Amino acid sequence: MPSPKIRPLRIKVTCGPEDPERCNQAFTVAATAVAAGADVGLWLTGEAAWFGTPGRAEAFDLPLATPLADLRDAVLAGGQLTVCTQCADRRDITAEDLLPGVRIAGAAVFTEEILGEGVQALVY
């Protein structure tokens, strides 16, 4: 029996260390979806924008959770990690500040991606 088609998934995380469980859940779902073979895009907005820069995910700590840096790296290895343009600007984060493979893009790109055929969008 053929395996079911896995549709594209776009996840937007709207929080950072101020809401660690919600933040970690978004990264966990994204990394799990990558492992399942899905086309995954994880969008970092608000305080989560910092997780596109070196050292921030490594400093994140949530007991009994997979380290955020490991989840981030899994997404980078098999999906796309994007920092919101306005969120980056508000935090003075530039493309040069980002980890390799992380991009900065805005609402128009997010909207284009989530309106694609069969795309599932989740917001945390």
N, C-alpha and C. Protein backbone atom coordinates (compact mmCIF):
# COMPACT_ATOMS: atom_id res chain seq x y z
N MET A 1 0.84 -1.18 0.00
CA MET A 1 0.00 0.00 0.00
C MET A 1 0.89 1.24 0.00
N PRO A 2 0.68 2.18 -0.92
CA PRO A 2 1.53 3.38 -0.96
C PRO A 2 1.32 4.25 0.27
N SER A 3 2.39 4.93 0.66
CA SER A 3 2.27 5.82 1.83
C SER A 3 1.48 7.06 1.44
N PRO A 4 0.74 7.62 2.39
CA PRO A 4 -0.06 8.82 2.07
C PRO A 4 0.87 9.99 1.76
N LYS A 5 0.40 10.86 0.89
CA LYS A 5 1.17 12.05 0.55
C LYS A 5 1.21 12.98 1.76
N ILE A 6 2.41 13.41 2.08
CA ILE A 6 2.57 14.34 3.20
C ILE A 6 2.53 15.74 2.64
N ARG A 7 1.59 16.52 3.10
CA ARG A 7 1.44 17.87 2.56
C ARG A 7 2.43 18.84 3.19
N PRO A 8 2.68 19.97 2.52
CA PRO A 8 3.59 20.97 3.07
C PRO A 8 3.06 21.53 4.40
N LEU A 9 3.98 21.86 5.29
CA LEU A 9 3.62 22.39 6.60
C LEU A 9 4.40 23.67 6.86
N ARG A 10 3.69 24.71 7.24
CA ARG A 10 4.32 25.97 7.64
C ARG A 10 3.91 26.23 9.08
N ILE A 11 4.92 26.45 9.91
CA ILE A 11 4.69 26.68 11.34
C ILE A 11 5.24 28.05 11.69
N LYS A 12 4.44 28.84 12.37
CA LYS A 12 4.89 30.15 12.85
C LYS A 12 4.94 30.09 14.37
N VAL A 13 6.10 30.38 14.93
CA VAL A 13 6.23 30.44 16.39
C VAL A 13 6.33 31.92 16.77
N THR A 14 5.44 32.32 17.66
CA THR A 14 5.28 33.74 17.99
C THR A 14 5.83 34.10 19.36
N CYS A 15 6.58 33.17 19.97
CA CYS A 15 7.10 33.44 21.31
C CYS A 15 8.48 32.84 21.44
N GLY A 16 9.16 33.26 22.49
CA GLY A 16 10.50 32.76 22.77
C GLY A 16 10.59 32.26 24.19
N PRO A 17 11.66 32.60 24.88
CA PRO A 17 11.87 32.11 26.25
C PRO A 17 10.79 32.54 27.24
N GLU A 18 10.02 33.58 26.91
CA GLU A 18 8.96 34.02 27.82
C GLU A 18 7.80 33.01 27.89
N ASP A 19 7.71 32.11 26.91
CA ASP A 19 6.69 31.05 26.89
C ASP A 19 7.38 29.78 26.39
N PRO A 20 8.25 29.20 27.22
CA PRO A 20 9.13 28.14 26.74
C PRO A 20 8.42 26.88 26.25
N GLU A 21 7.33 26.50 26.89
CA GLU A 21 6.66 25.28 26.44
C GLU A 21 6.02 25.44 25.07
N ARG A 22 5.38 26.55 24.84
CA ARG A 22 4.76 26.79 23.53
C ARG A 22 5.84 26.90 22.46
N CYS A 23 6.91 27.61 22.77
CA CYS A 23 8.01 27.77 21.84
C CYS A 23 8.62 26.41 21.48
N ASN A 24 8.93 25.62 22.50
CA ASN A 24 9.54 24.32 22.26
C ASN A 24 8.61 23.41 21.48
N GLN A 25 7.31 23.51 21.72
CA GLN A 25 6.35 22.66 21.01
C GLN A 25 6.40 22.94 19.51
N ALA A 26 6.49 24.21 19.12
CA ALA A 26 6.56 24.56 17.70
C ALA A 26 7.80 23.94 17.06
N PHE A 27 8.93 24.05 17.72
CA PHE A 27 10.16 23.47 17.18
C PHE A 27 10.07 21.95 17.13
N THR A 28 9.45 21.34 18.15
CA THR A 28 9.30 19.88 18.19
C THR A 28 8.44 19.39 17.03
N VAL A 29 7.31 20.06 16.79
CA VAL A 29 6.43 19.66 15.69
C VAL A 29 7.15 19.84 14.36
N ALA A 30 7.87 20.93 14.19
CA ALA A 30 8.60 21.17 12.95
C ALA A 30 9.65 20.09 12.71
N ALA A 31 10.44 19.79 13.71
CA ALA A 31 11.49 18.78 13.56
C ALA A 31 10.89 17.39 13.31
N THR A 32 9.79 17.08 13.98
CA THR A 32 9.13 15.79 13.78
C THR A 32 8.58 15.69 12.37
N ALA A 33 8.01 16.77 11.87
CA ALA A 33 7.49 16.78 10.50
C ALA A 33 8.61 16.62 9.48
N VAL A 34 9.75 17.25 9.72
CA VAL A 34 10.91 17.06 8.84
C VAL A 34 11.30 15.58 8.82
N ALA A 35 11.36 14.97 10.00
CA ALA A 35 11.72 13.56 10.10
C ALA A 35 10.72 12.66 9.37
N ALA A 36 9.47 13.10 9.29
CA ALA A 36 8.43 12.34 8.59
C ALA A 36 8.47 12.57 7.08
N GLY A 37 9.34 13.47 6.63
CA GLY A 37 9.47 13.70 5.20
C GLY A 37 8.65 14.85 4.65
N ALA A 38 8.08 15.65 5.52
CA ALA A 38 7.26 16.78 5.07
C ALA A 38 8.13 17.94 4.59
N ASP A 39 7.56 18.75 3.74
CA ASP A 39 8.15 20.02 3.31
C ASP A 39 7.82 21.01 4.42
N VAL A 40 8.82 21.35 5.25
CA VAL A 40 8.57 22.15 6.45
C VAL A 40 9.24 23.51 6.36
N GLY A 41 8.48 24.53 6.73
CA GLY A 41 9.01 25.87 6.91
C GLY A 41 8.65 26.33 8.31
N LEU A 42 9.65 26.69 9.10
CA LEU A 42 9.43 27.19 10.45
C LEU A 42 9.74 28.68 10.45
N TRP A 43 8.74 29.48 10.77
CA TRP A 43 8.86 30.95 10.79
C TRP A 43 9.03 31.42 12.22
N LEU A 44 10.09 32.20 12.45
CA LEU A 44 10.40 32.72 13.78
C LEU A 44 9.97 34.17 13.86
N THR A 45 9.00 34.44 14.74
CA THR A 45 8.50 35.80 14.90
C THR A 45 8.61 36.21 16.37
N GLY A 46 8.46 37.50 16.63
CA GLY A 46 8.58 37.99 18.00
C GLY A 46 9.92 37.62 18.58
N GLU A 47 9.93 37.24 19.84
CA GLU A 47 11.18 36.89 20.52
C GLU A 47 11.82 35.63 19.96
N ALA A 48 11.05 34.81 19.24
CA ALA A 48 11.63 33.62 18.61
C ALA A 48 12.62 33.98 17.51
N ALA A 49 12.56 35.21 17.02
CA ALA A 49 13.49 35.63 15.97
C ALA A 49 14.94 35.42 16.39
N TRP A 50 15.22 35.55 17.67
CA TRP A 50 16.58 35.37 18.18
C TRP A 50 17.11 33.96 17.93
N PHE A 51 16.24 32.97 17.78
CA PHE A 51 16.69 31.59 17.60
C PHE A 51 17.27 31.34 16.21
N GLY A 52 17.22 32.33 15.34
CA GLY A 52 17.90 32.23 14.06
C GLY A 52 19.35 32.69 14.13
N THR A 53 19.76 33.16 15.30
CA THR A 53 21.13 33.64 15.49
C THR A 53 21.92 32.64 16.34
N PRO A 54 23.24 32.65 16.21
CA PRO A 54 24.06 31.70 16.98
C PRO A 54 23.95 31.90 18.49
N GLY A 55 23.91 30.79 19.20
CA GLY A 55 23.98 30.80 20.66
C GLY A 55 22.66 30.92 21.39
N ARG A 56 21.62 31.45 20.76
CA ARG A 56 20.36 31.67 21.47
C ARG A 56 19.61 30.37 21.75
N ALA A 57 19.54 29.49 20.78
CA ALA A 57 18.85 28.21 21.01
C ALA A 57 19.64 27.36 21.99
N GLU A 58 20.96 27.47 21.94
CA GLU A 58 21.81 26.72 22.86
C GLU A 58 21.59 27.16 24.30
N ALA A 59 21.22 28.40 24.52
CA ALA A 59 20.99 28.93 25.88
C ALA A 59 19.59 28.64 26.39
N PHE A 60 18.69 28.21 25.52
CA PHE A 60 17.30 27.92 25.88
C PHE A 60 17.27 26.62 26.68
N ASP A 61 16.54 26.64 27.79
CA ASP A 61 16.46 25.43 28.61
C ASP A 61 15.02 25.18 29.03
N LEU A 62 14.56 23.98 28.73
CA LEU A 62 13.24 23.53 29.17
C LEU A 62 13.39 22.10 29.66
N PRO A 63 13.21 21.88 30.96
CA PRO A 63 13.39 20.53 31.51
C PRO A 63 12.54 19.49 30.77
N LEU A 64 13.14 18.33 30.55
CA LEU A 64 12.50 17.17 29.94
C LEU A 64 12.17 17.37 28.46
N ALA A 65 12.74 18.39 27.83
CA ALA A 65 12.49 18.65 26.42
C ALA A 65 13.78 18.43 25.63
N THR A 66 13.62 18.04 24.38
CA THR A 66 14.77 17.96 23.48
C THR A 66 15.40 19.34 23.39
N PRO A 67 16.71 19.44 23.45
CA PRO A 67 17.35 20.75 23.35
C PRO A 67 16.89 21.51 22.09
N LEU A 68 16.57 22.76 22.27
CA LEU A 68 16.06 23.57 21.17
C LEU A 68 17.06 23.64 20.02
N ALA A 69 18.34 23.71 20.32
CA ALA A 69 19.34 23.76 19.26
C ALA A 69 19.30 22.50 18.39
N ASP A 70 19.05 21.35 19.00
CA ASP A 70 18.94 20.10 18.24
C ASP A 70 17.72 20.14 17.32
N LEU A 71 16.61 20.65 17.84
CA LEU A 71 15.40 20.75 17.02
C LEU A 71 15.60 21.74 15.88
N ARG A 72 16.22 22.88 16.19
CA ARG A 72 16.51 23.89 15.17
C ARG A 72 17.38 23.29 14.07
N ASP A 73 18.41 22.57 14.47
CA ASP A 73 19.33 22.00 13.49
C ASP A 73 18.64 20.94 12.62
N ALA A 74 17.71 20.20 13.19
CA ALA A 74 16.94 19.23 12.40
C ALA A 74 16.10 19.93 11.35
N VAL A 75 15.50 21.05 11.74
CA VAL A 75 14.71 21.82 10.77
C VAL A 75 15.63 22.38 9.69
N LEU A 76 16.75 22.93 10.06
CA LEU A 76 17.69 23.46 9.08
C LEU A 76 18.20 22.38 8.13
N ALA A 77 18.38 21.16 8.62
CA ALA A 77 18.90 20.08 7.79
C ALA A 77 17.90 19.61 6.74
N GLY A 78 16.61 19.72 7.05
CA GLY A 78 15.63 19.18 6.11
C GLY A 78 14.50 20.10 5.73
N GLY A 79 14.51 21.32 6.24
CA GLY A 79 13.43 22.26 5.96
C GLY A 79 13.98 23.67 5.79
N GLN A 80 13.11 24.64 6.00
CA GLN A 80 13.49 26.05 5.87
C GLN A 80 13.20 26.76 7.17
N LEU A 81 14.16 27.56 7.63
CA LEU A 81 14.00 28.37 8.84
C LEU A 81 14.04 29.83 8.41
N THR A 82 13.00 30.57 8.79
CA THR A 82 12.85 31.95 8.35
C THR A 82 12.60 32.85 9.55
N VAL A 83 13.29 33.99 9.57
CA VAL A 83 13.06 35.03 10.57
C VAL A 83 12.23 36.12 9.91
N CYS A 84 11.19 36.54 10.60
CA CYS A 84 10.30 37.59 10.12
C CYS A 84 11.08 38.90 9.92
N THR A 85 10.84 39.55 8.80
CA THR A 85 11.53 40.79 8.46
C THR A 85 11.34 41.86 9.53
N GLN A 86 10.10 42.17 9.89
CA GLN A 86 9.85 43.22 10.88
C GLN A 86 10.40 42.85 12.24
N CYS A 87 10.29 41.57 12.60
CA CYS A 87 10.80 41.12 13.90
C CYS A 87 12.32 41.27 13.94
N ALA A 88 12.98 40.92 12.83
CA ALA A 88 14.43 41.09 12.75
C ALA A 88 14.79 42.57 12.85
N ASP A 89 14.09 43.41 12.11
CA ASP A 89 14.37 44.85 12.13
C ASP A 89 14.21 45.44 13.53
N ARG A 90 13.16 45.05 14.24
CA ARG A 90 12.93 45.58 15.58
C ARG A 90 14.02 45.18 16.56
N ARG A 91 14.72 44.09 16.24
CA ARG A 91 15.77 43.58 17.13
C ARG A 91 17.17 43.85 16.57
N ASP A 92 17.24 44.62 15.50
CA ASP A 92 18.51 44.91 14.83
C ASP A 92 19.24 43.64 14.41
N ILE A 93 18.50 42.63 14.01
CA ILE A 93 19.08 41.40 13.48
C ILE A 93 19.19 41.56 11.96
N THR A 94 20.37 41.33 11.43
CA THR A 94 20.59 41.41 10.00
C THR A 94 20.88 40.02 9.44
N ALA A 95 20.88 39.89 8.13
CA ALA A 95 21.19 38.61 7.50
C ALA A 95 22.56 38.11 7.93
N GLU A 96 23.50 39.01 8.14
CA GLU A 96 24.84 38.62 8.56
C GLU A 96 24.87 38.04 9.97
N ASP A 97 23.86 38.34 10.77
CA ASP A 97 23.77 37.84 12.14
C ASP A 97 23.24 36.42 12.21
N LEU A 98 22.64 35.94 11.14
CA LEU A 98 21.93 34.66 11.16
C LEU A 98 22.85 33.47 10.96
N LEU A 99 22.37 32.34 11.43
CA LEU A 99 23.05 31.08 11.18
C LEU A 99 23.00 30.75 9.69
N PRO A 100 23.97 29.99 9.19
CA PRO A 100 23.89 29.57 7.78
C PRO A 100 22.59 28.83 7.50
N GLY A 101 21.96 29.17 6.39
CA GLY A 101 20.71 28.52 5.99
C GLY A 101 19.45 29.21 6.46
N VAL A 102 19.57 30.16 7.39
CA VAL A 102 18.41 30.91 7.87
C VAL A 102 18.22 32.13 6.98
N ARG A 103 16.99 32.42 6.65
CA ARG A 103 16.70 33.58 5.82
C ARG A 103 15.80 34.56 6.57
N ILE A 104 15.74 35.78 6.05
CA ILE A 104 14.80 36.78 6.53
C ILE A 104 13.79 37.00 5.42
N ALA A 105 12.51 36.94 5.76
CA ALA A 105 11.44 37.18 4.79
C ALA A 105 10.23 37.72 5.53
N GLY A 106 9.33 38.34 4.77
CA GLY A 106 8.19 39.00 5.39
C GLY A 106 6.85 38.34 5.12
N ALA A 107 5.82 39.09 5.48
CA ALA A 107 4.45 38.59 5.41
C ALA A 107 4.03 38.16 4.01
N ALA A 108 4.52 38.85 2.99
CA ALA A 108 4.14 38.48 1.63
C ALA A 108 4.62 37.07 1.29
N VAL A 109 5.84 36.74 1.71
CA VAL A 109 6.38 35.40 1.45
C VAL A 109 5.62 34.36 2.28
N PHE A 110 5.38 34.66 3.55
CA PHE A 110 4.62 33.74 4.39
C PHE A 110 3.24 33.48 3.79
N THR A 111 2.56 34.54 3.37
CA THR A 111 1.23 34.40 2.79
C THR A 111 1.28 33.56 1.52
N GLU A 112 2.25 33.82 0.67
CA GLU A 112 2.39 33.03 -0.56
C GLU A 112 2.57 31.56 -0.23
N GLU A 113 3.40 31.27 0.75
CA GLU A 113 3.65 29.88 1.13
C GLU A 113 2.40 29.20 1.70
N ILE A 114 1.69 29.87 2.58
CA ILE A 114 0.54 29.21 3.22
C ILE A 114 -0.67 29.10 2.30
N LEU A 115 -0.70 29.87 1.23
CA LEU A 115 -1.81 29.77 0.28
C LEU A 115 -1.55 28.76 -0.82
N GLY A 116 -0.40 28.07 -0.75
CA GLY A 116 -0.09 27.04 -1.72
C GLY A 116 -1.04 25.86 -1.56
N GLU A 117 -1.18 25.10 -2.63
CA GLU A 117 -2.10 23.98 -2.63
C GLU A 117 -1.69 22.93 -1.57
N GLY A 118 -2.64 22.59 -0.73
CA GLY A 118 -2.43 21.54 0.26
C GLY A 118 -1.61 21.92 1.47
N VAL A 119 -1.23 23.18 1.60
CA VAL A 119 -0.37 23.58 2.72
C VAL A 119 -1.18 23.64 4.01
N GLN A 120 -0.60 23.11 5.06
CA GLN A 120 -1.16 23.21 6.41
C GLN A 120 -0.35 24.25 7.16
N ALA A 121 -1.00 25.22 7.75
CA ALA A 121 -0.31 26.24 8.54
C ALA A 121 -0.71 26.12 10.01
N LEU A 122 0.27 26.20 10.89
CA LEU A 122 0.06 26.15 12.33
C LEU A 122 0.72 27.37 12.95
N VAL A 123 0.10 27.92 13.96
CA VAL A 123 0.68 29.06 14.67
C VAL A 123 0.75 28.71 16.15
N TYR A 124 1.94 28.88 16.71
CA TYR A 124 2.16 28.66 18.14
C TYR A 124 2.48 29.97 18.80
